[in-house]
PDB file of N, CA and C in Angstrom:
ATOM      1  N   UNK A   1     122.564  89.987  85.670  1.00  0.00           N
ATOM      2  CA  UNK A   1     122.533  91.149  86.540  1.00  0.00           C
ATOM      3  C   UNK A   1     121.102  91.663  86.641  1.00  0.00           C
ATOM      4  N   UNK A   2     120.691  91.950  87.844  1.00  0.00           N
ATOM      5  CA  UNK A   2     119.339  92.401  88.112  1.00  0.00           C
ATOM      6  C   UNK A   2     119.196  93.883  87.821  1.00  0.00           C
ATOM      7  N   UNK A   3     118.136  94.246  87.122  1.00  0.00           N
ATOM      8  CA  UNK A   3     117.889  95.665  86.861  1.00  0.00           C
ATOM      9  C   UNK A   3     117.080  96.230  88.014  1.00  0.00           C
ATOM     10  N   UNK A   4     117.526  97.347  88.534  1.00  0.00           N
ATOM     11  CA  UNK A   4     116.783  98.003  89.598  1.00  0.00           C
ATOM     12  C   UNK A   4     115.707  98.871  88.989  1.00  0.00           C
ATOM     13  N   UNK A   5     114.546  98.851  89.618  1.00  0.00           N
ATOM     14  CA  UNK A   5     113.442  99.669  89.158  1.00  0.00           C
ATOM     15  C   UNK A   5     113.703 101.107  89.591  1.00  0.00           C
ATOM     16  N   UNK A   6     113.574 102.024  88.639  1.00  0.00           N
ATOM     17  CA  UNK A   6     113.815 103.424  88.956  1.00  0.00           C
ATOM     18  C   UNK A   6     112.625 103.982  89.726  1.00  0.00           C
ATOM     19  N   UNK A   7     112.917 104.577  90.859  1.00  0.00           N
ATOM     20  CA  UNK A   7     111.886 105.138  91.723  1.00  0.00           C
ATOM     21  C   UNK A   7     112.016 106.652  91.693  1.00  0.00           C
ATOM     22  N   UNK A   8     110.882 107.315  91.521  1.00  0.00           N
ATOM     23  CA  UNK A   8     110.902 108.777  91.593  1.00  0.00           C
ATOM     24  C   UNK A   8     111.092 109.181  93.043  1.00  0.00           C
ATOM     25  N   UNK A   9     112.057 110.015  93.276  1.00  0.00           N
ATOM     26  CA  UNK A   9     112.338 110.475  94.628  1.00  0.00           C
ATOM     27  C   UNK A   9     111.637 111.797  94.870  1.00  0.00           C
ATOM     28  N   UNK A  10     111.266 112.011  96.102  1.00  0.00           N
ATOM     29  CA  UNK A  10     110.569 113.239  96.471  1.00  0.00           C
ATOM     30  C   UNK A  10     111.397 113.966  97.522  1.00  0.00           C
ATOM     31  N   UNK A  11     111.621 115.224  97.278  1.00  0.00           N
ATOM     32  CA  UNK A  11     112.411 116.035  98.202  1.00  0.00           C
ATOM     33  C   UNK A  11     111.547 116.467  99.381  1.00  0.00           C
ATOM     34  N   UNK A  12     112.127 116.424 100.586  1.00  0.00           N
ATOM     35  CA  UNK A  12     111.439 116.973 101.743  1.00  0.00           C
ATOM     36  C   UNK A  12     112.474 117.539 102.706  1.00  0.00           C
ATOM     37  N   UNK A  13     112.019 118.437 103.535  1.00  0.00           N
ATOM     38  CA  UNK A  13     112.896 119.103 104.489  1.00  0.00           C
ATOM     39  C   UNK A  13     112.415 118.785 105.891  1.00  0.00           C
ATOM     40  N   UNK A  14     113.350 118.543 106.783  1.00  0.00           N
ATOM     41  CA  UNK A  14     112.985 118.238 108.160  1.00  0.00           C
ATOM     42  C   UNK A  14     114.078 118.724 109.106  1.00  0.00           C
ATOM     43  N   UNK A  15     113.759 118.736 110.358  1.00  0.00           N
ATOM     44  CA  UNK A  15     114.743 119.085 111.384  1.00  0.00           C
ATOM     45  C   UNK A  15     115.309 117.798 111.965  1.00  0.00           C
ATOM     46  N   UNK A  16     116.589 117.836 112.326  1.00  0.00           N
ATOM     47  CA  UNK A  16     117.242 116.644 112.853  1.00  0.00           C
ATOM     48  C   UNK A  16     118.275 117.064 113.888  1.00  0.00           C
ATOM     49  N   UNK A  17     118.448 116.217 114.861  1.00  0.00           N
ATOM     50  CA  UNK A  17     119.471 116.429 115.869  1.00  0.00           C
ATOM     51  C   UNK A  17     120.844 116.451 115.177  1.00  0.00           C
ATOM     52  N   UNK A  18     121.671 117.462 115.419  1.00  0.00           N
ATOM     53  CA  UNK A  18     122.964 117.568 114.724  1.00  0.00           C
ATOM     54  C   UNK A  18     123.882 116.354 114.933  1.00  0.00           C
ATOM     55  N   UNK A  19     123.861 115.789 116.130  1.00  0.00           N
ATOM     56  CA  UNK A  19     124.708 114.607 116.378  1.00  0.00           C
ATOM     57  C   UNK A  19     124.223 113.415 115.568  1.00  0.00           C
ATOM     58  N   UNK A  20     122.917 113.261 115.477  1.00  0.00           N
ATOM     59  CA  UNK A  20     122.349 112.184 114.673  1.00  0.00           C
ATOM     60  C   UNK A  20     122.706 112.364 113.201  1.00  0.00           C
ATOM     61  N   UNK A  21     122.640 113.575 112.716  1.00  0.00           N
ATOM     62  CA  UNK A  21     123.020 113.850 111.328  1.00  0.00           C
ATOM     63  C   UNK A  21     124.485 113.513 111.090  1.00  0.00           C
ATOM     64  N   UNK A  22     125.340 113.866 112.023  1.00  0.00           N
ATOM     65  CA  UNK A  22     126.765 113.535 111.895  1.00  0.00           C
ATOM     66  C   UNK A  22     126.968 112.025 111.848  1.00  0.00           C
ATOM     67  N   UNK A  23     126.225 111.314 112.683  1.00  0.00           N
ATOM     68  CA  UNK A  23     126.336 109.849 112.693  1.00  0.00           C
ATOM     69  C   UNK A  23     125.891 109.247 111.367  1.00  0.00           C
ATOM     70  N   UNK A  24     124.794 109.756 110.838  1.00  0.00           N
ATOM     71  CA  UNK A  24     124.291 109.235 109.564  1.00  0.00           C
ATOM     72  C   UNK A  24     125.273 109.536 108.438  1.00  0.00           C
ATOM     73  N   UNK A  25     125.835 110.726 108.450  1.00  0.00           N
ATOM     74  CA  UNK A  25     126.828 111.081 107.429  1.00  0.00           C
ATOM     75  C   UNK A  25     128.044 110.173 107.519  1.00  0.00           C
ATOM     76  N   UNK A  26     128.457 109.844 108.736  1.00  0.00           N
ATOM     77  CA  UNK A  26     129.607 108.966 108.915  1.00  0.00           C
ATOM     78  C   UNK A  26     129.298 107.555 108.409  1.00  0.00           C
ATOM     79  N   UNK A  27     128.108 107.063 108.693  1.00  0.00           N
ATOM     80  CA  UNK A  27     127.698 105.751 108.177  1.00  0.00           C
ATOM     81  C   UNK A  27     127.702 105.787 106.655  1.00  0.00           C
ATOM     82  N   UNK A  28     127.200 106.855 106.103  1.00  0.00           N
ATOM     83  CA  UNK A  28     127.184 107.013 104.651  1.00  0.00           C
ATOM     84  C   UNK A  28     128.597 106.954 104.081  1.00  0.00           C
ATOM     85  N   UNK A  29     129.502 107.646 104.726  1.00  0.00           N
ATOM     86  CA  UNK A  29     130.894 107.668 104.276  1.00  0.00           C
ATOM     87  C   UNK A  29     131.519 106.281 104.364  1.00  0.00           C
ATOM     88  N   UNK A  30     131.350 105.615 105.513  1.00  0.00           N
ATOM     89  CA  UNK A  30     131.973 104.302 105.715  1.00  0.00           C
ATOM     90  C   UNK A  30     131.401 103.227 104.799  1.00  0.00           C
ATOM     91  N   UNK A  31     130.125 103.338 104.471  1.00  0.00           N
ATOM     92  CA  UNK A  31     129.494 102.326 103.622  1.00  0.00           C
ATOM     93  C   UNK A  31     129.554 102.683 102.142  1.00  0.00           C
ATOM     94  N   UNK A  32     130.087 103.863 101.854  1.00  0.00           N
ATOM     95  CA  UNK A  32     130.193 104.337 100.475  1.00  0.00           C
ATOM     96  C   UNK A  32     128.818 104.405  99.801  1.00  0.00           C
ATOM     97  N   UNK A  33     127.835 104.830 100.581  1.00  0.00           N
ATOM     98  CA  UNK A  33     126.480 105.045 100.061  1.00  0.00           C
ATOM     99  C   UNK A  33     126.164 106.527 100.111  1.00  0.00           C
ATOM    100  N   UNK A  34     125.222 106.909  99.282  1.00  0.00           N
ATOM    101  CA  UNK A  34     124.780 108.302  99.317  1.00  0.00           C
ATOM    102  C   UNK A  34     123.965 108.514 100.588  1.00  0.00           C
ATOM    103  N   UNK A  35     123.976 109.737 101.066  1.00  0.00           N
ATOM    104  CA  UNK A  35     123.279 110.061 102.313  1.00  0.00           C
ATOM    105  C   UNK A  35     121.804 109.698 102.226  1.00  0.00           C
ATOM    106  N   UNK A  36     121.153 110.023 101.122  1.00  0.00           N
ATOM    107  CA  UNK A  36     119.723 109.711 101.013  1.00  0.00           C
ATOM    108  C   UNK A  36     119.479 108.200 101.043  1.00  0.00           C
ATOM    109  N   UNK A  37     120.420 107.404 100.534  1.00  0.00           N
ATOM    110  CA  UNK A  37     120.265 105.949 100.567  1.00  0.00           C
ATOM    111  C   UNK A  37     120.327 105.425 101.994  1.00  0.00           C
ATOM    112  N   UNK A  38     121.234 105.972 102.779  1.00  0.00           N
ATOM    113  CA  UNK A  38     121.354 105.562 104.179  1.00  0.00           C
ATOM    114  C   UNK A  38     120.094 105.955 104.948  1.00  0.00           C
ATOM    115  N   UNK A  39     119.600 107.152 104.699  1.00  0.00           N
ATOM    116  CA  UNK A  39     118.381 107.605 105.376  1.00  0.00           C
ATOM    117  C   UNK A  39     117.194 106.748 104.938  1.00  0.00           C
ATOM    118  N   UNK A  40     117.062 106.467 103.645  1.00  0.00           N
ATOM    119  CA  UNK A  40     115.980 105.607 103.156  1.00  0.00           C
ATOM    120  C   UNK A  40     116.027 104.230 103.812  1.00  0.00           C
ATOM    121  N   UNK A  41     117.206 103.637 103.852  1.00  0.00           N
ATOM    122  CA  UNK A  41     117.352 102.315 104.462  1.00  0.00           C
ATOM    123  C   UNK A  41     116.991 102.348 105.945  1.00  0.00           C
ATOM    124  N   UNK A  42     117.393 103.402 106.619  1.00  0.00           N
ATOM    125  CA  UNK A  42     117.079 103.540 108.042  1.00  0.00           C
ATOM    126  C   UNK A  42     115.573 103.664 108.260  1.00  0.00           C
ATOM    127  N   UNK A  43     114.932 104.450 107.428  1.00  0.00           N
ATOM    128  CA  UNK A  43     113.481 104.609 107.559  1.00  0.00           C
ATOM    129  C   UNK A  43     112.744 103.305 107.242  1.00  0.00           C
ATOM    130  N   UNK A  44     113.219 102.570 106.255  1.00  0.00           N
ATOM    131  CA  UNK A  44     112.615 101.266 105.943  1.00  0.00           C
ATOM    132  C   UNK A  44     112.717 100.326 107.138  1.00  0.00           C
ATOM    133  N   UNK A  45     113.888 100.290 107.758  1.00  0.00           N
ATOM    134  CA  UNK A  45     114.070  99.443 108.941  1.00  0.00           C
ATOM    135  C   UNK A  45     113.165  99.886 110.084  1.00  0.00           C
ATOM    136  N   UNK A  46     113.015 101.178 110.251  1.00  0.00           N
ATOM    137  CA  UNK A  46     112.149 101.706 111.302  1.00  0.00           C
ATOM    138  C   UNK A  46     110.697 101.284 111.061  1.00  0.00           C
ATOM    139  N   UNK A  47     110.246 101.381 109.827  1.00  0.00           N
ATOM    140  CA  UNK A  47     108.876 100.994 109.487  1.00  0.00           C
ATOM    141  C   UNK A  47     108.676  99.490 109.672  1.00  0.00           C
ATOM    142  N   UNK A  48     109.652  98.690 109.242  1.00  0.00           N
ATOM    143  CA  UNK A  48     109.555  97.244 109.439  1.00  0.00           C
ATOM    144  C   UNK A  48     109.463  96.903 110.924  1.00  0.00           C
ATOM    145  N   UNK A  49     110.279  97.564 111.731  1.00  0.00           N
ATOM    146  CA  UNK A  49     110.247  97.350 113.177  1.00  0.00           C
ATOM    147  C   UNK A  49     108.885  97.745 113.753  1.00  0.00           C
ATOM    148  N   UNK A  50     108.356  98.867 113.307  1.00  0.00           N
ATOM    149  CA  UNK A  50     107.042  99.324 113.754  1.00  0.00           C
ATOM    150  C   UNK A  50     105.976  98.285 113.410  1.00  0.00           C
ATOM    151  N   UNK A  51     106.001  97.777 112.182  1.00  0.00           N
ATOM    152  CA  UNK A  51     105.002  96.807 111.741  1.00  0.00           C
ATOM    153  C   UNK A  51     105.066  95.522 112.563  1.00  0.00           C
ATOM    154  N   UNK A  52     106.263  95.096 112.895  1.00  0.00           N
ATOM    155  CA  UNK A  52     106.420  93.893 113.718  1.00  0.00           C
ATOM    156  C   UNK A  52     105.947  94.158 115.141  1.00  0.00           C
ATOM    157  N   UNK A  53     106.371  95.269 115.691  1.00  0.00           N
ATOM    158  CA  UNK A  53     106.035  95.610 117.073  1.00  0.00           C
ATOM    159  C   UNK A  53     104.536  95.763 117.279  1.00  0.00           C
ATOM    160  N   UNK A  54     103.851  96.380 116.311  1.00  0.00           N
ATOM    161  CA  UNK A  54     102.428  96.650 116.443  1.00  0.00           C
ATOM    162  C   UNK A  54     101.560  95.725 115.593  1.00  0.00           C
ATOM    163  N   UNK A  55     102.162  94.692 115.055  1.00  0.00           N
ATOM    164  CA  UNK A  55     101.444  93.677 114.292  1.00  0.00           C
ATOM    165  C   UNK A  55     100.497  94.306 113.272  1.00  0.00           C
ATOM    166  N   UNK A  56     101.065  95.132 112.426  1.00  0.00           N
ATOM    167  CA  UNK A  56     100.272  95.830 111.418  1.00  0.00           C
ATOM    168  C   UNK A  56     101.069  95.938 110.129  1.00  0.00           C
ATOM    169  N   UNK A  57     100.423  96.431 109.094  1.00  0.00           N
ATOM    170  CA  UNK A  57     101.088  96.640 107.817  1.00  0.00           C
ATOM    171  C   UNK A  57     100.693  98.022 107.303  1.00  0.00           C
ATOM    172  N   UNK A  58     101.657  98.898 107.201  1.00  0.00           N
ATOM    173  CA  UNK A  58     101.410 100.278 106.794  1.00  0.00           C
ATOM    174  C   UNK A  58     100.792 100.345 105.395  1.00  0.00           C
ATOM    175  N   UNK A  59     101.291  99.555 104.467  1.00  0.00           N
ATOM    176  CA  UNK A  59     100.753  99.567 103.100  1.00  0.00           C
ATOM    177  C   UNK A  59      99.274  99.185 103.077  1.00  0.00           C
ATOM    178  N   UNK A  60      98.887  98.236 103.897  1.00  0.00           N
ATOM    179  CA  UNK A  60      97.489  97.829 103.965  1.00  0.00           C
ATOM    180  C   UNK A  60      96.623  98.977 104.464  1.00  0.00           C
ATOM    181  N   UNK A  61      97.096  99.689 105.464  1.00  0.00           N
ATOM    182  CA  UNK A  61      96.345 100.825 106.008  1.00  0.00           C
ATOM    183  C   UNK A  61      96.209 101.918 104.951  1.00  0.00           C
ATOM    184  N   UNK A  62      97.282 102.191 104.244  1.00  0.00           N
ATOM    185  CA  UNK A  62      97.240 103.219 103.192  1.00  0.00           C
ATOM    186  C   UNK A  62      96.280 102.802 102.080  1.00  0.00           C
ATOM    187  N   UNK A  63      96.339 101.544 101.665  1.00  0.00           N
ATOM    188  CA  UNK A  63      95.435 101.052 100.623  1.00  0.00           C
ATOM    189  C   UNK A  63      93.984 101.110 101.074  1.00  0.00           C
ATOM    190  N   UNK A  64      93.743 100.778 102.325  1.00  0.00           N
ATOM    191  CA  UNK A  64      92.392 100.837 102.860  1.00  0.00           C
ATOM    192  C   UNK A  64      91.866 102.270 102.795  1.00  0.00           C
ATOM    193  N   UNK A  65      92.688 103.204 103.194  1.00  0.00           N
ATOM    194  CA  UNK A  65      92.295 104.610 103.167  1.00  0.00           C
ATOM    195  C   UNK A  65      92.027 105.066 101.737  1.00  0.00           C
ATOM    196  N   UNK A  66      92.896 104.681 100.798  1.00  0.00           N
ATOM    197  CA  UNK A  66      92.715 105.058  99.389  1.00  0.00           C
ATOM    198  C   UNK A  66      91.440 104.450  98.819  1.00  0.00           C
ATOM    199  N   UNK A  67      91.187 103.191  99.124  1.00  0.00           N
ATOM    200  CA  UNK A  67      89.978 102.526  98.629  1.00  0.00           C
ATOM    201  C   UNK A  67      88.725 103.164  99.214  1.00  0.00           C
ATOM    202  N   UNK A  68      88.785 103.493 100.484  1.00  0.00           N
ATOM    203  CA  UNK A  68      87.656 104.145 101.136  1.00  0.00           C
ATOM    204  C   UNK A  68      87.373 105.499 100.486  1.00  0.00           C
ATOM    205  N   UNK A  69      88.425 106.256 100.222  1.00  0.00           N
ATOM    206  CA  UNK A  69      88.267 107.566  99.585  1.00  0.00           C
ATOM    207  C   UNK A  69      87.644 107.426  98.194  1.00  0.00           C
ATOM    208  N   UNK A  70      88.065 106.421  97.453  1.00  0.00           N
ATOM    209  CA  UNK A  70      87.504 106.192  96.115  1.00  0.00           C
ATOM    210  C   UNK A  70      86.025 105.834  96.199  1.00  0.00           C
ATOM    211  N   UNK A  71      85.664 105.023  97.175  1.00  0.00           N
ATOM    212  CA  UNK A  71      84.266 104.635  97.345  1.00  0.00           C
ATOM    213  C   UNK A  71      83.405 105.840  97.710  1.00  0.00           C
ATOM    214  N   UNK A  72      83.917 106.678  98.577  1.00  0.00           N
ATOM    215  CA  UNK A  72      83.189 107.890  98.966  1.00  0.00           C
ATOM    216  C   UNK A  72      83.009 108.794  97.745  1.00  0.00           C
ATOM    217  N   UNK A  73      84.048 108.916  96.954  1.00  0.00           N
ATOM    218  CA  UNK A  73      83.976 109.738  95.745  1.00  0.00           C
ATOM    219  C   UNK A  73      82.932 109.197  94.766  1.00  0.00           C
ATOM    220  N   UNK A  74      82.875 107.884  94.614  1.00  0.00           N
ATOM    221  CA  UNK A  74      81.879 107.268  93.733  1.00  0.00           C
ATOM    222  C   UNK A  74      80.477 107.565  94.243  1.00  0.00           C
ATOM    223  N   UNK A  75      80.284 107.446  95.540  1.00  0.00           N
ATOM    224  CA  UNK A  75      78.969 107.708  96.129  1.00  0.00           C
ATOM    225  C   UNK A  75      78.530 109.155  95.931  1.00  0.00           C
ATOM    226  N   UNK A  76      79.483 110.063  96.002  1.00  0.00           N
ATOM    227  CA  UNK A  76      79.161 111.476  95.859  1.00  0.00           C
ATOM    228  C   UNK A  76      78.820 111.858  94.423  1.00  0.00           C
ATOM    229  N   UNK A  77      79.313 111.100  93.453  1.00  0.00           N
ATOM    230  CA  UNK A  77      79.038 111.414  92.051  1.00  0.00           C
ATOM    231  C   UNK A  77      77.712 110.827  91.575  1.00  0.00           C
ATOM    232  N   UNK A  78      77.102 109.996  92.380  1.00  0.00           N
ATOM    233  CA  UNK A  78      75.814 109.383  91.972  1.00  0.00           C
ATOM    234  C   UNK A  78      74.692 110.358  92.055  1.00  0.00           C
TER     235      UNK A  78
END
């Protein structure tokens, strides 16, 4: 049996179309998943679709930004 890596979850609040929320809740009920799991899976699919459509990788962009920030910080401490 595979052990799942525990991920720290972060709470956030947003606005959503009420009909869309009802649909997501219904999917959650039918699939016997928690609401946050259904939303997480949906967002992952959306990001994957975005990356394919725009031929990019979000993680690479984030890493580039983080590395750039670290380099700037190093330069400023010299």
